[in-house]
Amino acid sequence: MNILAIPIQLGAVFFLIFAFTRVWLRMREGSIGIGMFIFWIVIWGLALVAVVKPGVTTSVANRLGIGRGVDAALYISIVLLFYLNFRSNVMMENLRHEITKLTREIAIK
């Protein structure tokens, strides 16, 4: 293992522990539901596995027909980010419609 990779891995592990605690606290305070909690725990858990055991990403990449594990992680991350962006946009659009509807109802009164 490259000696320079160890500080990067430690930093990533500390960040992932921080992310786990944030998700846990958000669930406890009721900001997120159990479904979102499980989603983010799975995401951060997979990231932790990829940081601690980088060979796992290579074996997954080989099964997917991709050369390197980092490439597979990037492809999956990009697809996930596009999906999350899409969901956020849909939620904001629904919220905008609800605000418009409420504004019209209040204006009529």
PDB file of N, CA and C in Angstrom:
ATOM      1  N   MET A   1       0.842  -1.179   0.000  1.00  0.00           N
ATOM      2  CA  MET A   1       0.000   0.000   0.000  1.00  0.00           C
ATOM      3  C   MET A   1       0.885   1.239   0.000  1.00  0.00           C
ATOM      4  N   ASN A   2       0.501   2.209  -0.763  1.00  0.00           N
ATOM      5  CA  ASN A   2       1.240   3.453  -0.852  1.00  0.00           C
ATOM      6  C   ASN A   2       1.125   4.216   0.465  1.00  0.00           C
ATOM      7  N   ILE A   3       2.247   4.708   0.961  1.00  0.00           N
ATOM      8  CA  ILE A   3       2.260   5.408   2.244  1.00  0.00           C
ATOM      9  C   ILE A   3       1.442   6.695   2.185  1.00  0.00           C
ATOM     10  N   LEU A   4       1.345   7.327   1.007  1.00  0.00           N
ATOM     11  CA  LEU A   4       0.555   8.552   0.874  1.00  0.00           C
ATOM     12  C   LEU A   4      -0.942   8.275   0.893  1.00  0.00           C
ATOM     13  N   ALA A   5      -1.333   7.055   0.585  1.00  0.00           N
ATOM     14  CA  ALA A   5      -2.758   6.717   0.556  1.00  0.00           C
ATOM     15  C   ALA A   5      -3.345   6.607   1.961  1.00  0.00           C
ATOM     16  N   ILE A   6      -2.507   6.294   2.945  1.00  0.00           N
ATOM     17  CA  ILE A   6      -3.013   6.102   4.307  1.00  0.00           C
ATOM     18  C   ILE A   6      -3.639   7.381   4.871  1.00  0.00           C
ATOM     19  N   PRO A   7      -2.982   8.567   4.785  1.00  0.00           N
ATOM     20  CA  PRO A   7      -3.645   9.769   5.301  1.00  0.00           C
ATOM     21  C   PRO A   7      -4.945  10.093   4.554  1.00  0.00           C
ATOM     22  N   ILE A   8      -4.990   9.839   3.263  1.00  0.00           N
ATOM     23  CA  ILE A   8      -6.205  10.086   2.494  1.00  0.00           C
ATOM     24  C   ILE A   8      -7.305   9.142   2.963  1.00  0.00           C
ATOM     25  N   GLN A   9      -6.955   7.884   3.180  1.00  0.00           N
ATOM     26  CA  GLN A   9      -7.948   6.926   3.663  1.00  0.00           C
ATOM     27  C   GLN A   9      -8.441   7.304   5.058  1.00  0.00           C
ATOM     28  N   LEU A  10      -7.534   7.713   5.926  1.00  0.00           N
ATOM     29  CA  LEU A  10      -7.949   8.123   7.274  1.00  0.00           C
ATOM     30  C   LEU A  10      -8.883   9.325   7.221  1.00  0.00           C
ATOM     31  N   GLY A  11      -8.539  10.295   6.392  1.00  0.00           N
ATOM     32  CA  GLY A  11      -9.404  11.462   6.237  1.00  0.00           C
ATOM     33  C   GLY A  11     -10.774  11.077   5.714  1.00  0.00           C
ATOM     34  N   ALA A  12     -10.799  10.169   4.745  1.00  0.00           N
ATOM     35  CA  ALA A  12     -12.073   9.710   4.189  1.00  0.00           C
ATOM     36  C   ALA A  12     -12.881   8.946   5.235  1.00  0.00           C
ATOM     37  N   VAL A  13     -12.222   8.114   6.025  1.00  0.00           N
ATOM     38  CA  VAL A  13     -12.923   7.363   7.073  1.00  0.00           C
ATOM     39  C   VAL A  13     -13.511   8.326   8.106  1.00  0.00           C
ATOM     40  N   PHE A  14     -12.739   9.337   8.515  1.00  0.00           N
ATOM     41  CA  PHE A  14     -13.267  10.317   9.473  1.00  0.00           C
ATOM     42  C   PHE A  14     -14.462  11.070   8.891  1.00  0.00           C
ATOM     43  N   PHE A  15     -14.372  11.443   7.605  1.00  0.00           N
ATOM     44  CA  PHE A  15     -15.501  12.122   6.969  1.00  0.00           C
ATOM     45  C   PHE A  15     -16.726  11.215   6.931  1.00  0.00           C
ATOM     46  N   LEU A  16     -16.526   9.946   6.600  1.00  0.00           N
ATOM     47  CA  LEU A  16     -17.658   9.022   6.513  1.00  0.00           C
ATOM     48  C   LEU A  16     -18.288   8.781   7.887  1.00  0.00           C
ATOM     49  N   ILE A  17     -17.475   8.726   8.924  1.00  0.00           N
ATOM     50  CA  ILE A  17     -18.023   8.616  10.279  1.00  0.00           C
ATOM     51  C   ILE A  17     -18.846   9.861  10.599  1.00  0.00           C
ATOM     52  N   PHE A  18     -18.334  11.026  10.220  1.00  0.00           N
ATOM     53  CA  PHE A  18     -19.080  12.273  10.398  1.00  0.00           C
ATOM     54  C   PHE A  18     -20.408  12.214   9.641  1.00  0.00           C
ATOM     55  N   ALA A  19     -20.382  11.722   8.394  1.00  0.00           N
ATOM     56  CA  ALA A  19     -21.605  11.617   7.594  1.00  0.00           C
ATOM     57  C   ALA A  19     -22.604  10.663   8.251  1.00  0.00           C
ATOM     58  N   PHE A  20     -22.118   9.525   8.751  1.00  0.00           N
ATOM     59  CA  PHE A  20     -22.997   8.586   9.470  1.00  0.00           C
ATOM     60  C   PHE A  20     -23.678   9.279  10.652  1.00  0.00           C
ATOM     61  N   THR A  21     -22.901  10.041  11.426  1.00  0.00           N
ATOM     62  CA  THR A  21     -23.483  10.701  12.596  1.00  0.00           C
ATOM     63  C   THR A  21     -24.518  11.746  12.193  1.00  0.00           C
ATOM     64  N   ARG A  22     -24.272  12.473  11.098  1.00  0.00           N
ATOM     65  CA  ARG A  22     -25.240  13.477  10.627  1.00  0.00           C
ATOM     66  C   ARG A  22     -26.546  12.811  10.222  1.00  0.00           C
ATOM     67  N   VAL A  23     -26.450  11.692   9.506  1.00  0.00           N
ATOM     68  CA  VAL A  23     -27.656  10.983   9.078  1.00  0.00           C
ATOM     69  C   VAL A  23     -28.413  10.474  10.302  1.00  0.00           C
ATOM     70  N   TRP A  24     -27.695   9.918  11.252  1.00  0.00           N
ATOM     71  CA  TRP A  24     -28.322   9.404  12.474  1.00  0.00           C
ATOM     72  C   TRP A  24     -29.038  10.527  13.234  1.00  0.00           C
ATOM     73  N   LEU A  25     -28.364  11.672  13.382  1.00  0.00           N
ATOM     74  CA  LEU A  25     -28.971  12.787  14.101  1.00  0.00           C
ATOM     75  C   LEU A  25     -30.199  13.325  13.373  1.00  0.00           C
ATOM     76  N   ARG A  26     -30.135  13.410  12.045  1.00  0.00           N
ATOM     77  CA  ARG A  26     -31.290  13.892  11.264  1.00  0.00           C
ATOM     78  C   ARG A  26     -32.481  12.947  11.414  1.00  0.00           C
ATOM     79  N   MET A  27     -32.206  11.654  11.489  1.00  0.00           N
ATOM     80  CA  MET A  27     -33.298  10.693  11.664  1.00  0.00           C
ATOM     81  C   MET A  27     -33.884  10.810  13.071  1.00  0.00           C
ATOM     82  N   ARG A  28     -33.038  10.955  14.067  1.00  0.00           N
ATOM     83  CA  ARG A  28     -33.514  11.067  15.452  1.00  0.00           C
ATOM     84  C   ARG A  28     -34.356  12.312  15.670  1.00  0.00           C
ATOM     85  N   GLU A  29     -33.988  13.419  15.007  1.00  0.00           N
ATOM     86  CA  GLU A  29     -34.766  14.654  15.179  1.00  0.00           C
ATOM     87  C   GLU A  29     -35.995  14.692  14.282  1.00  0.00           C
ATOM     88  N   GLY A  30     -36.126  13.708  13.401  1.00  0.00           N
ATOM     89  CA  GLY A  30     -37.311  13.618  12.558  1.00  0.00           C
ATOM     90  C   GLY A  30     -37.212  14.363  11.245  1.00  0.00           C
ATOM     91  N   SER A  31     -36.028  14.869  10.902  1.00  0.00           N
ATOM     92  CA  SER A  31     -35.861  15.591   9.641  1.00  0.00           C
ATOM     93  C   SER A  31     -35.945  14.671   8.433  1.00  0.00           C
ATOM     94  N   ILE A  32     -35.539  13.424   8.614  1.00  0.00           N
ATOM     95  CA  ILE A  32     -35.628  12.449   7.524  1.00  0.00           C
ATOM     96  C   ILE A  32     -36.350  11.209   8.038  1.00  0.00           C
ATOM     97  N   GLY A  33     -36.984  10.514   7.115  1.00  0.00           N
ATOM     98  CA  GLY A  33     -37.695   9.294   7.467  1.00  0.00           C
ATOM     99  C   GLY A  33     -36.770   8.090   7.452  1.00  0.00           C
ATOM    100  N   ILE A  34     -37.339   6.952   7.785  1.00  0.00           N
ATOM    101  CA  ILE A  34     -36.550   5.717   7.847  1.00  0.00           C
ATOM    102  C   ILE A  34     -36.039   5.316   6.465  1.00  0.00           C
ATOM    103  N   GLY A  35     -36.837   5.559   5.429  1.00  0.00           N
ATOM    104  CA  GLY A  35     -36.404   5.218   4.071  1.00  0.00           C
ATOM    105  C   GLY A  35     -35.180   6.006   3.648  1.00  0.00           C
ATOM    106  N   MET A  36     -35.204   7.320   3.901  1.00  0.00           N
ATOM    107  CA  MET A  36     -34.062   8.169   3.560  1.00  0.00           C
ATOM    108  C   MET A  36     -32.865   7.820   4.434  1.00  0.00           C
ATOM    109  N   PHE A  37     -33.127   7.477   5.696  1.00  0.00           N
ATOM    110  CA  PHE A  37     -32.054   7.061   6.597  1.00  0.00           C
ATOM    111  C   PHE A  37     -31.344   5.823   6.044  1.00  0.00           C
ATOM    112  N   ILE A  38     -32.115   4.823   5.657  1.00  0.00           N
ATOM    113  CA  ILE A  38     -31.531   3.591   5.111  1.00  0.00           C
ATOM    114  C   ILE A  38     -30.769   3.884   3.827  1.00  0.00           C
ATOM    115  N   PHE A  39     -31.349   4.721   2.957  1.00  0.00           N
ATOM    116  CA  PHE A  39     -30.684   5.079   1.700  1.00  0.00           C
ATOM    117  C   PHE A  39     -29.297   5.655   1.966  1.00  0.00           C
ATOM    118  N   TRP A  40     -29.217   6.661   2.859  1.00  0.00           N
ATOM    119  CA  TRP A  40     -27.934   7.310   3.106  1.00  0.00           C
ATOM    120  C   TRP A  40     -26.967   6.417   3.872  1.00  0.00           C
ATOM    121  N   ILE A  41     -27.457   5.569   4.753  1.00  0.00           N
ATOM    122  CA  ILE A  41     -26.571   4.630   5.444  1.00  0.00           C
ATOM    123  C   ILE A  41     -25.956   3.658   4.441  1.00  0.00           C
ATOM    124  N   VAL A  42     -26.757   3.196   3.482  1.00  0.00           N
ATOM    125  CA  VAL A  42     -26.227   2.300   2.444  1.00  0.00           C
ATOM    126  C   VAL A  42     -25.180   3.028   1.604  1.00  0.00           C
ATOM    127  N   ILE A  43     -25.480   4.257   1.188  1.00  0.00           N
ATOM    128  CA  ILE A  43     -24.524   5.029   0.373  1.00  0.00           C
ATOM    129  C   ILE A  43     -23.216   5.231   1.129  1.00  0.00           C
ATOM    130  N   TRP A  44     -23.293   5.720   2.357  1.00  0.00           N
ATOM    131  CA  TRP A  44     -22.078   5.963   3.134  1.00  0.00           C
ATOM    132  C   TRP A  44     -21.376   4.654   3.496  1.00  0.00           C
ATOM    133  N   GLY A  45     -22.133   3.593   3.707  1.00  0.00           N
ATOM    134  CA  GLY A  45     -21.531   2.286   3.978  1.00  0.00           C
ATOM    135  C   GLY A  45     -20.750   1.765   2.783  1.00  0.00           C
ATOM    136  N   LEU A  46     -21.328   1.902   1.591  1.00  0.00           N
ATOM    137  CA  LEU A  46     -20.614   1.491   0.376  1.00  0.00           C
ATOM    138  C   LEU A  46     -19.355   2.326   0.173  1.00  0.00           C
ATOM    139  N   ALA A  47     -19.450   3.618   0.465  1.00  0.00           N
ATOM    140  CA  ALA A  47     -18.267   4.473   0.357  1.00  0.00           C
ATOM    141  C   ALA A  47     -17.194   4.037   1.351  1.00  0.00           C
ATOM    142  N   LEU A  48     -17.600   3.659   2.550  1.00  0.00           N
ATOM    143  CA  LEU A  48     -16.645   3.198   3.556  1.00  0.00           C
ATOM    144  C   LEU A  48     -15.951   1.917   3.108  1.00  0.00           C
ATOM    145  N   VAL A  49     -16.714   0.993   2.545  1.00  0.00           N
ATOM    146  CA  VAL A  49     -16.116  -0.245   2.027  1.00  0.00           C
ATOM    147  C   VAL A  49     -15.117   0.084   0.924  1.00  0.00           C
ATOM    148  N   ALA A  50     -15.483   1.008   0.028  1.00  0.00           N
ATOM    149  CA  ALA A  50     -14.591   1.376  -1.077  1.00  0.00           C
ATOM    150  C   ALA A  50     -13.304   2.018  -0.573  1.00  0.00           C
ATOM    151  N   VAL A  51     -13.383   2.766   0.521  1.00  0.00           N
ATOM    152  CA  VAL A  51     -12.189   3.417   1.070  1.00  0.00           C
ATOM    153  C   VAL A  51     -11.313   2.415   1.805  1.00  0.00           C
ATOM    154  N   VAL A  52     -11.923   1.567   2.623  1.00  0.00           N
ATOM    155  CA  VAL A  52     -11.153   0.633   3.450  1.00  0.00           C
ATOM    156  C   VAL A  52     -10.623  -0.538   2.627  1.00  0.00           C
ATOM    157  N   LYS A  53     -11.420  -1.034   1.691  1.00  0.00           N
ATOM    158  CA  LYS A  53     -11.031  -2.169   0.843  1.00  0.00           C
ATOM    159  C   LYS A  53     -11.146  -1.761  -0.630  1.00  0.00           C
ATOM    160  N   PRO A  54     -10.177  -1.015  -1.159  1.00  0.00           N
ATOM    161  CA  PRO A  54     -10.279  -0.530  -2.540  1.00  0.00           C
ATOM    162  C   PRO A  54     -10.342  -1.653  -3.580  1.00  0.00           C
ATOM    163  N   GLY A  55      -9.859  -2.826  -3.251  1.00  0.00           N
ATOM    164  CA  GLY A  55      -9.914  -3.945  -4.188  1.00  0.00           C
ATOM    165  C   GLY A  55     -11.332  -4.378  -4.515  1.00  0.00           C
ATOM    166  N   VAL A  56     -12.261  -4.096  -3.606  1.00  0.00           N
ATOM    167  CA  VAL A  56     -13.663  -4.456  -3.842  1.00  0.00           C
ATOM    168  C   VAL A  56     -14.194  -3.712  -5.056  1.00  0.00           C
ATOM    169  N   THR A  57     -13.837  -2.431  -5.189  1.00  0.00           N
ATOM    170  CA  THR A  57     -14.324  -1.667  -6.339  1.00  0.00           C
ATOM    171  C   THR A  57     -13.760  -2.217  -7.644  1.00  0.00           C
ATOM    172  N   THR A  58     -12.541  -2.716  -7.609  1.00  0.00           N
ATOM    173  CA  THR A  58     -11.951  -3.301  -8.807  1.00  0.00           C
ATOM    174  C   THR A  58     -12.675  -4.573  -9.205  1.00  0.00           C
ATOM    175  N   SER A  59     -13.004  -5.420  -8.243  1.00  0.00           N
ATOM    176  CA  SER A  59     -13.722  -6.653  -8.586  1.00  0.00           C
ATOM    177  C   SER A  59     -15.124  -6.349  -9.097  1.00  0.00           C
ATOM    178  N   VAL A  60     -15.791  -5.350  -8.515  1.00  0.00           N
ATOM    179  CA  VAL A  60     -17.110  -4.944  -9.018  1.00  0.00           C
ATOM    180  C   VAL A  60     -16.972  -4.394 -10.430  1.00  0.00           C
ATOM    181  N   ALA A  61     -15.952  -3.582 -10.656  1.00  0.00           N
ATOM    182  CA  ALA A  61     -15.734  -3.011 -11.988  1.00  0.00           C
ATOM    183  C   ALA A  61     -15.487  -4.105 -13.017  1.00  0.00           C
ATOM    184  N   ASN A  62     -14.700  -5.099 -12.668  1.00  0.00           N
ATOM    185  CA  ASN A  62     -14.429  -6.197 -13.601  1.00  0.00           C
ATOM    186  C   ASN A  62     -15.699  -6.957 -13.945  1.00  0.00           C
ATOM    187  N   ARG A  63     -16.577  -7.149 -12.975  1.00  0.00           N
ATOM    188  CA  ARG A  63     -17.854  -7.826 -13.245  1.00  0.00           C
ATOM    189  C   ARG A  63     -18.748  -6.994 -14.155  1.00  0.00           C
ATOM    190  N   LEU A  64     -18.622  -5.672 -14.060  1.00  0.00           N
ATOM    191  CA  LEU A  64     -19.421  -4.786 -14.905  1.00  0.00           C
ATOM    192  C   LEU A  64     -18.783  -4.543 -16.270  1.00  0.00           C
ATOM    193  N   GLY A  65     -17.578  -5.067 -16.461  1.00  0.00           N
ATOM    194  CA  GLY A  65     -16.885  -4.876 -17.728  1.00  0.00           C
ATOM    195  C   GLY A  65     -16.156  -3.544 -17.815  1.00  0.00           C
ATOM    196  N   ILE A  66     -15.853  -2.965 -16.662  1.00  0.00           N
ATOM    197  CA  ILE A  66     -15.139  -1.693 -16.597  1.00  0.00           C
ATOM    198  C   ILE A  66     -13.731  -1.991 -16.102  1.00  0.00           C
ATOM    199  N   GLY A  67     -12.754  -1.281 -16.644  1.00  0.00           N
ATOM    200  CA  GLY A  67     -11.362  -1.579 -16.356  1.00  0.00           C
ATOM    201  C   GLY A  67     -10.920  -1.374 -14.923  1.00  0.00           C
ATOM    202  N   ARG A  68     -11.234  -0.224 -14.342  1.00  0.00           N
ATOM    203  CA  ARG A  68     -10.722   0.105 -13.008  1.00  0.00           C
ATOM    204  C   ARG A  68     -11.858   0.360 -12.029  1.00  0.00           C
ATOM    205  N   GLY A  69     -11.584   0.111 -10.768  1.00  0.00           N
ATOM    206  CA  GLY A  69     -12.586   0.328  -9.733  1.00  0.00           C
ATOM    207  C   GLY A  69     -12.961   1.785  -9.566  1.00  0.00           C
ATOM    208  N   VAL A  70     -11.978   2.660  -9.710  1.00  0.00           N
ATOM    209  CA  VAL A  70     -12.251   4.095  -9.589  1.00  0.00           C
ATOM    210  C   VAL A  70     -13.203   4.538 -10.690  1.00  0.00           C
ATOM    211  N   ASP A  71     -13.012   4.012 -11.895  1.00  0.00           N
ATOM    212  CA  ASP A  71     -13.912   4.356 -13.000  1.00  0.00           C
ATOM    213  C   ASP A  71     -15.341   3.922 -12.690  1.00  0.00           C
ATOM    214  N   ALA A  72     -15.501   2.717 -12.179  1.00  0.00           N
ATOM    215  CA  ALA A  72     -16.842   2.221 -11.838  1.00  0.00           C
ATOM    216  C   ALA A  72     -17.470   3.092 -10.756  1.00  0.00           C
ATOM    217  N   ALA A  73     -16.685   3.450  -9.746  1.00  0.00           N
ATOM    218  CA  ALA A  73     -17.208   4.300  -8.671  1.00  0.00           C
ATOM    219  C   ALA A  73     -17.642   5.656  -9.214  1.00  0.00           C
ATOM    220  N   LEU A  74     -16.849   6.218 -10.123  1.00  0.00           N
ATOM    221  CA  LEU A  74     -17.219   7.506 -10.712  1.00  0.00           C
ATOM    222  C   LEU A  74     -18.478   7.396 -11.556  1.00  0.00           C
ATOM    223  N   TYR A  75     -18.583   6.358 -12.376  1.00  0.00           N
ATOM    224  CA  TYR A  75     -19.780   6.183 -13.212  1.00  0.00           C
ATOM    225  C   TYR A  75     -21.026   6.046 -12.345  1.00  0.00           C
ATOM    226  N   ILE A  76     -20.931   5.215 -11.329  1.00  0.00           N
ATOM    227  CA  ILE A  76     -22.080   5.002 -10.441  1.00  0.00           C
ATOM    228  C   ILE A  76     -22.419   6.292  -9.694  1.00  0.00           C
ATOM    229  N   SER A  77     -21.399   7.022  -9.253  1.00  0.00           N
ATOM    230  CA  SER A  77     -21.629   8.282  -8.544  1.00  0.00           C
ATOM    231  C   SER A  77     -22.312   9.311  -9.433  1.00  0.00           C
ATOM    232  N   ILE A  78     -21.883   9.401 -10.674  1.00  0.00           N
ATOM    233  CA  ILE A  78     -22.492  10.363 -11.599  1.00  0.00           C
ATOM    234  C   ILE A  78     -23.952  10.025 -11.840  1.00  0.00           C
ATOM    235  N   VAL A  79     -24.245   8.751 -12.069  1.00  0.00           N
ATOM    236  CA  VAL A  79     -25.638   8.339 -12.281  1.00  0.00           C
ATOM    237  C   VAL A  79     -26.469   8.639 -11.036  1.00  0.00           C
ATOM    238  N   LEU A  80     -25.938   8.337  -9.869  1.00  0.00           N
ATOM    239  CA  LEU A  80     -26.651   8.602  -8.619  1.00  0.00           C
ATOM    240  C   LEU A  80     -26.897  10.098  -8.429  1.00  0.00           C
ATOM    241  N   LEU A  81     -25.898  10.922  -8.729  1.00  0.00           N
ATOM    242  CA  LEU A  81     -26.070  12.367  -8.591  1.00  0.00           C
ATOM    243  C   LEU A  81     -27.128  12.905  -9.550  1.00  0.00           C
ATOM    244  N   PHE A  82     -27.150  12.406 -10.783  1.00  0.00           N
ATOM    245  CA  PHE A  82     -28.190  12.829 -11.721  1.00  0.00           C
ATOM    246  C   PHE A  82     -29.569  12.431 -11.208  1.00  0.00           C
ATOM    247  N   TYR A  83     -29.686  11.230 -10.672  1.00  0.00           N
ATOM    248  CA  TYR A  83     -30.970  10.776 -10.141  1.00  0.00           C
ATOM    249  C   TYR A  83     -31.416  11.644  -8.966  1.00  0.00           C
ATOM    250  N   LEU A  84     -30.502  11.917  -8.037  1.00  0.00           N
ATOM    251  CA  LEU A  84     -30.847  12.751  -6.887  1.00  0.00           C
ATOM    252  C   LEU A  84     -31.208  14.168  -7.316  1.00  0.00           C
ATOM    253  N   ASN A  85     -30.513  14.691  -8.313  1.00  0.00           N
ATOM    254  CA  ASN A  85     -30.833  16.011  -8.850  1.00  0.00           C
ATOM    255  C   ASN A  85     -32.233  16.013  -9.467  1.00  0.00           C
ATOM    256  N   PHE A  86     -32.556  14.970 -10.201  1.00  0.00           N
ATOM    257  CA  PHE A  86     -33.886  14.849 -10.800  1.00  0.00           C
ATOM    258  C   PHE A  86     -34.961  14.835  -9.718  1.00  0.00           C
ATOM    259  N   ARG A  87     -34.759  14.018  -8.692  1.00  0.00           N
ATOM    260  CA  ARG A  87     -35.742  13.940  -7.597  1.00  0.00           C
ATOM    261  C   ARG A  87     -35.911  15.276  -6.894  1.00  0.00           C
ATOM    262  N   SER A  88     -34.805  15.982  -6.678  1.00  0.00           N
ATOM    263  CA  SER A  88     -34.887  17.298  -6.039  1.00  0.00           C
ATOM    264  C   SER A  88     -35.674  18.273  -6.900  1.00  0.00           C
ATOM    265  N   ASN A  89     -35.433  18.233  -8.205  1.00  0.00           N
ATOM    266  CA  ASN A  89     -36.161  19.127  -9.106  1.00  0.00           C
ATOM    267  C   ASN A  89     -37.649  18.815  -9.112  1.00  0.00           C
ATOM    268  N   VAL A  90     -38.009  17.550  -9.119  1.00  0.00           N
ATOM    269  CA  VAL A  90     -39.423  17.165  -9.088  1.00  0.00           C
ATOM    270  C   VAL A  90     -40.064  17.637  -7.784  1.00  0.00           C
ATOM    271  N   MET A  91     -39.375  17.450  -6.676  1.00  0.00           N
ATOM    272  CA  MET A  91     -39.915  17.882  -5.386  1.00  0.00           C
ATOM    273  C   MET A  91     -40.088  19.401  -5.340  1.00  0.00           C
ATOM    274  N   MET A  92     -39.116  20.142  -5.871  1.00  0.00           N
ATOM    275  CA  MET A  92     -39.233  21.599  -5.888  1.00  0.00           C
ATOM    276  C   MET A  92     -40.376  22.051  -6.792  1.00  0.00           C
ATOM    277  N   GLU A  93     -40.555  21.389  -7.913  1.00  0.00           N
ATOM    278  CA  GLU A  93     -41.654  21.734  -8.818  1.00  0.00           C
ATOM    279  C   GLU A  93     -43.000  21.462  -8.151  1.00  0.00           C
ATOM    280  N   ASN A  94     -43.124  20.336  -7.466  1.00  0.00           N
ATOM    281  CA  ASN A  94     -44.359  20.036  -6.733  1.00  0.00           C
ATOM    282  C   ASN A  94     -44.619  21.074  -5.647  1.00  0.00           C
ATOM    283  N   LEU A  95     -43.573  21.472  -4.961  1.00  0.00           N
ATOM    284  CA  LEU A  95     -43.702  22.489  -3.919  1.00  0.00           C
ATOM    285  C   LEU A  95     -44.136  23.825  -4.517  1.00  0.00           C
ATOM    286  N   ARG A  96     -43.569  24.170  -5.662  1.00  0.00           N
ATOM    287  CA  ARG A  96     -43.941  25.412  -6.347  1.00  0.00           C
ATOM    288  C   ARG A  96     -45.420  25.404  -6.707  1.00  0.00           C
ATOM    289  N   HIS A  97     -45.903  24.271  -7.212  1.00  0.00           N
ATOM    290  CA  HIS A  97     -47.321  24.155  -7.563  1.00  0.00           C
ATOM    291  C   HIS A  97     -48.207  24.283  -6.321  1.00  0.00           C
ATOM    292  N   GLU A  98     -47.793  23.675  -5.223  1.00  0.00           N
ATOM    293  CA  GLU A  98     -48.562  23.769  -3.982  1.00  0.00           C
ATOM    294  C   GLU A  98     -48.613  25.210  -3.475  1.00  0.00           C
ATOM    295  N   ILE A  99     -47.483  25.915  -3.543  1.00  0.00           N
ATOM    296  CA  ILE A  99     -47.443  27.315  -3.101  1.00  0.00           C
ATOM    297  C   ILE A  99     -48.352  28.166  -3.977  1.00  0.00           C
ATOM    298  N   THR A 100     -48.315  27.940  -5.287  1.00  0.00           N
ATOM    299  CA  THR A 100     -49.186  28.679  -6.206  1.00  0.00           C
ATOM    300  C   THR A 100     -50.648  28.421  -5.885  1.00  0.00           C
ATOM    301  N   LYS A 101     -50.983  27.171  -5.638  1.00  0.00           N
ATOM    302  CA  LYS A 101     -52.369  26.799  -5.315  1.00  0.00           C
ATOM    303  C   LYS A 101     -52.820  27.472  -4.021  1.00  0.00           C
ATOM    304  N   LEU A 102     -51.982  27.422  -2.986  1.00  0.00           N
ATOM    305  CA  LEU A 102     -52.323  28.060  -1.713  1.00  0.00           C
ATOM    306  C   LEU A 102     -52.450  29.574  -1.858  1.00  0.00           C
ATOM    307  N   THR A 103     -51.553  30.175  -2.624  1.00  0.00           N
ATOM    308  CA  THR A 103     -51.603  31.619  -2.844  1.00  0.00           C
ATOM    309  C   THR A 103     -52.908  32.017  -3.519  1.00  0.00           C
ATOM    310  N   ARG A 104     -53.332  31.260  -4.501  1.00  0.00           N
ATOM    311  CA  ARG A 104     -54.595  31.547  -5.191  1.00  0.00           C
ATOM    312  C   ARG A 104     -55.785  31.393  -4.253  1.00  0.00           C
ATOM    313  N   GLU A 105     -55.762  30.350  -3.424  1.00  0.00           N
ATOM    314  CA  GLU A 105     -56.864  30.149  -2.473  1.00  0.00           C
ATOM    315  C   GLU A 105     -56.945  31.284  -1.462  1.00  0.00           C
ATOM    316  N   ILE A 106     -55.796  31.741  -0.981  1.00  0.00           N
ATOM    317  CA  ILE A 106     -55.772  32.848  -0.022  1.00  0.00           C
ATOM    318  C   ILE A 106     -56.228  34.138  -0.693  1.00  0.00           C
ATOM    319  N   ALA A 107     -55.821  34.364  -1.940  1.00  0.00           N
ATOM    320  CA  ALA A 107     -56.196  35.585  -2.658  1.00  0.00           C
ATOM    321  C   ALA A 107     -57.697  35.643  -2.916  1.00  0.00           C
ATOM    322  N   ILE A 108     -58.325  34.494  -3.128  1.00  0.00           N
ATOM    323  CA  ILE A 108     -59.766  34.445  -3.390  1.00  0.00           C
ATOM    324  C   ILE A 108     -60.548  34.815  -2.135  1.00  0.00           C
ATOM    325  N   LYS A 109     -60.047  34.450  -0.961  1.00  0.00           N
ATOM    326  CA  LYS A 109     -60.737  34.739   0.309  1.00  0.00           C
ATOM    327  C   LYS A 109     -60.668  36.189   0.575  1.00  0.00           C
TER     328      LYS A 109
END
